[in-house]
Amino acid sequence: MSYDLNFYRRLPAESWEEAFEANEDPDRAGGRPPAEVWSRMVARATEILGDVAVDDAEQYLELSHDPTGIQLSCWSDFAAITVPYWYTGAEASAVMQRVYALARAVEQETGLEGYDPQLNQPLADLAYSKAELAAQTFDFVTHEMDAYLRKPGTHPDT
């Protein structure tokens, strides 16, 4: 399980719902981002996260930061940032501040618009100041998973 941020290329006057649906259209996805855009993204990610590993997949490009588990995957008209629910409290807030900084860079470098499905809001509406709110989701998921795993018969070892 991971906390996800998604980025879409919205057409003028296109609603978020229309952008979500359009993302399902394989003709719109359009392959990998331009090399110069990706190069700038890797540089920005390195500034924000530190050393990152880059994966040059056939249909998309991806970078990952092993210490935090943050991953960024980019296509020409869609991108996604994921971070595993490994964190709670202040540590979750610190990681999410880095995630939101990376999200801002994705929007600036790609022209894509970000959306936080956990908070059900566009990133622009969140004004990139909601790391604390996002971190609360980590605490909630951790608590729920803990409760689930404590139920008899739900753990693989029981």
Protein backbone atom coordinates (compact mmCIF):
# COMPACT_ATOMS: atom_id res chain seq x y z
CA MET A 1 0.00 0.00 0.00
CA SER A 2 1.18 3.48 -0.76
CA TYR A 3 0.22 7.12 -0.58
CA ASP A 4 -0.20 8.29 -4.18
CA LEU A 5 -0.21 11.60 -5.99
CA ASN A 6 -1.32 11.58 -9.64
CA PHE A 7 -0.60 14.14 -12.34
CA TYR A 8 -2.74 14.70 -15.43
CA ARG A 9 -2.62 16.84 -18.53
CA ARG A 10 -5.98 18.56 -18.42
CA LEU A 11 -7.32 20.18 -21.55
CA PRO A 12 -8.81 23.70 -21.30
CA ALA A 13 -12.18 23.56 -19.51
CA GLU A 14 -11.74 19.83 -18.82
CA SER A 15 -13.00 18.77 -15.39
CA TRP A 16 -10.99 16.53 -13.11
CA GLU A 17 -13.44 13.71 -13.75
CA GLU A 18 -12.93 14.08 -17.50
CA ALA A 19 -9.16 14.08 -17.00
CA PHE A 20 -9.40 10.88 -14.92
CA GLU A 21 -11.47 9.21 -17.66
CA ALA A 22 -9.18 10.47 -20.44
CA ASN A 23 -6.22 8.94 -18.62
CA GLU A 24 -7.83 5.54 -19.23
CA ASP A 25 -7.67 6.15 -23.01
CA PRO A 26 -4.48 4.45 -24.30
CA ASP A 27 -4.33 6.85 -27.28
CA ARG A 28 -3.96 9.82 -24.95
CA ALA A 29 -1.21 8.40 -22.72
CA GLY A 30 1.46 9.01 -25.35
CA GLY A 31 4.62 7.23 -24.17
CA ARG A 32 7.62 8.69 -22.39
CA PRO A 33 8.20 12.35 -21.51
CA PRO A 34 10.67 14.36 -23.61
CA ALA A 35 14.32 13.74 -22.65
CA GLU A 36 14.93 17.37 -21.64
CA VAL A 37 11.91 17.35 -19.32
CA TRP A 38 13.05 14.10 -17.72
CA SER A 39 16.58 15.40 -17.31
CA ARG A 40 15.25 18.45 -15.43
CA MET A 41 13.01 16.22 -13.31
CA VAL A 42 15.92 14.01 -12.27
CA ALA A 43 17.95 17.10 -11.34
CA ARG A 44 15.09 18.56 -9.29
CA ALA A 45 14.41 15.21 -7.59
CA THR A 46 18.09 14.95 -6.65
CA GLU A 47 17.94 18.44 -5.10
CA ILE A 48 14.87 17.48 -3.07
CA LEU A 49 15.61 13.85 -2.15
CA GLY A 50 19.34 13.29 -2.58
CA ASP A 51 20.68 10.38 -4.60
CA VAL A 52 18.02 8.71 -6.73
CA ALA A 53 18.08 5.60 -8.89
CA VAL A 54 16.76 6.00 -12.43
CA ASP A 55 14.97 3.24 -14.34
CA ASP A 56 14.67 3.64 -18.10
CA ALA A 57 11.62 1.48 -18.87
CA GLU A 58 10.31 1.06 -22.39
CA GLN A 59 7.02 2.97 -22.00
CA TYR A 60 7.86 5.35 -19.13
CA LEU A 61 10.66 6.69 -16.97
CA GLU A 62 10.97 6.19 -13.25
CA LEU A 63 13.15 7.33 -10.39
CA SER A 64 13.26 6.09 -6.83
CA HIS A 65 14.77 7.18 -3.55
CA ASP A 66 15.59 4.05 -1.58
CA PRO A 67 15.90 5.59 1.91
CA THR A 68 12.31 6.92 1.83
CA GLY A 69 10.71 4.58 -0.71
CA ILE A 70 9.52 7.57 -2.77
CA GLN A 71 9.04 6.74 -6.45
CA LEU A 72 8.20 8.96 -9.41
CA SER A 73 6.94 7.43 -12.64
CA CYS A 74 6.47 9.64 -15.74
CA TRP A 75 4.76 9.27 -19.06
CA SER A 76 4.20 12.15 -21.47
CA ASP A 77 0.66 12.92 -20.22
CA PHE A 78 0.60 11.30 -16.79
CA ALA A 79 2.86 10.96 -13.76
CA ALA A 80 2.57 9.41 -10.32
CA ILE A 81 4.43 9.77 -7.06
CA THR A 82 4.11 6.95 -4.53
CA VAL A 83 5.46 6.56 -1.03
CA PRO A 84 4.88 3.46 1.11
CA TYR A 85 3.02 3.74 4.40
CA TRP A 86 6.21 3.12 6.40
CA TYR A 87 5.93 6.26 8.50
CA THR A 88 3.92 7.77 11.34
CA GLY A 89 3.83 11.07 13.20
CA ALA A 90 6.60 13.59 12.63
CA GLU A 91 8.48 11.20 10.34
CA ALA A 92 5.42 10.91 8.05
CA SER A 93 5.12 14.69 7.99
CA ALA A 94 8.79 15.12 7.05
CA VAL A 95 8.51 12.57 4.24
CA MET A 96 5.33 14.17 2.93
CA GLN A 97 6.99 17.59 2.88
CA ARG A 98 9.55 16.08 0.50
CA VAL A 99 6.79 14.40 -1.52
CA TYR A 100 4.93 17.68 -1.92
CA ALA A 101 8.16 19.48 -2.89
CA LEU A 102 8.71 16.81 -5.56
CA ALA A 103 5.07 17.22 -6.64
CA ARG A 104 5.59 20.95 -7.12
CA ALA A 105 8.64 20.19 -9.28
CA VAL A 106 6.64 17.70 -11.37
CA GLU A 107 3.98 20.32 -12.06
CA GLN A 108 6.55 22.99 -12.89
CA GLU A 109 8.69 20.83 -15.17
CA THR A 110 6.00 18.80 -16.95
CA GLY A 111 3.00 21.12 -17.09
CA LEU A 112 0.89 18.32 -15.62
CA GLU A 113 -1.58 19.10 -12.83
CA GLY A 114 -1.41 17.13 -9.58
CA TYR A 115 -4.24 15.50 -7.68
CA ASP A 116 -4.19 13.90 -4.22
CA PRO A 117 -6.77 11.07 -4.27
CA GLN A 118 -6.40 10.41 -0.53
CA LEU A 119 -7.50 13.98 0.26
CA ASN A 120 -9.68 14.12 -2.89
CA GLN A 121 -8.28 17.51 -3.91
CA PRO A 122 -6.11 19.05 -6.63
CA LEU A 123 -2.64 19.86 -5.33
CA ALA A 124 -3.07 23.51 -6.32
CA ASP A 125 -6.04 23.72 -3.92
CA LEU A 126 -3.93 22.25 -1.15
CA ALA A 127 -1.33 24.98 -1.73
CA TYR A 128 1.36 22.43 -0.94
CA SER A 129 0.93 23.12 2.75
CA LYS A 130 -0.96 20.00 3.71
CA ALA A 131 1.92 17.68 4.61
CA GLU A 132 0.49 17.43 8.13
CA LEU A 133 -2.94 16.47 6.78
CA ALA A 134 -1.39 13.89 4.47
CA ALA A 135 0.72 12.56 7.36
CA GLN A 136 -2.50 11.92 9.32
CA THR A 137 -3.45 9.47 6.58
CA PHE A 138 -0.27 7.52 7.35
CA ASP A 139 -1.23 7.34 11.03
CA PHE A 140 -4.76 6.20 10.15
CA VAL A 141 -3.58 3.51 7.69
CA THR A 142 -0.97 2.25 10.15
CA HIS A 143 -3.59 2.04 12.93
CA GLU A 144 -6.09 0.26 10.65
CA MET A 145 -3.49 -2.24 9.39
CA ASP A 146 -2.38 -2.92 12.96
CA ALA A 147 -5.98 -3.58 14.01
CA TYR A 148 -6.56 -5.81 10.98
CA LEU A 149 -3.44 -7.88 11.60
CA ARG A 150 -4.39 -8.39 15.25
CA LYS A 151 -7.71 -10.01 14.29
CA PRO A 152 -7.67 -13.80 14.61
CA GLY A 153 -7.19 -15.52 11.27
CA THR A 154 -5.93 -12.44 9.38
CA HIS A 155 -2.22 -12.92 9.95
CA PRO A 156 -0.42 -15.46 7.71
CA ASP A 157 1.10 -17.16 10.76
CA THR A 158 -2.27 -17.90 12.42
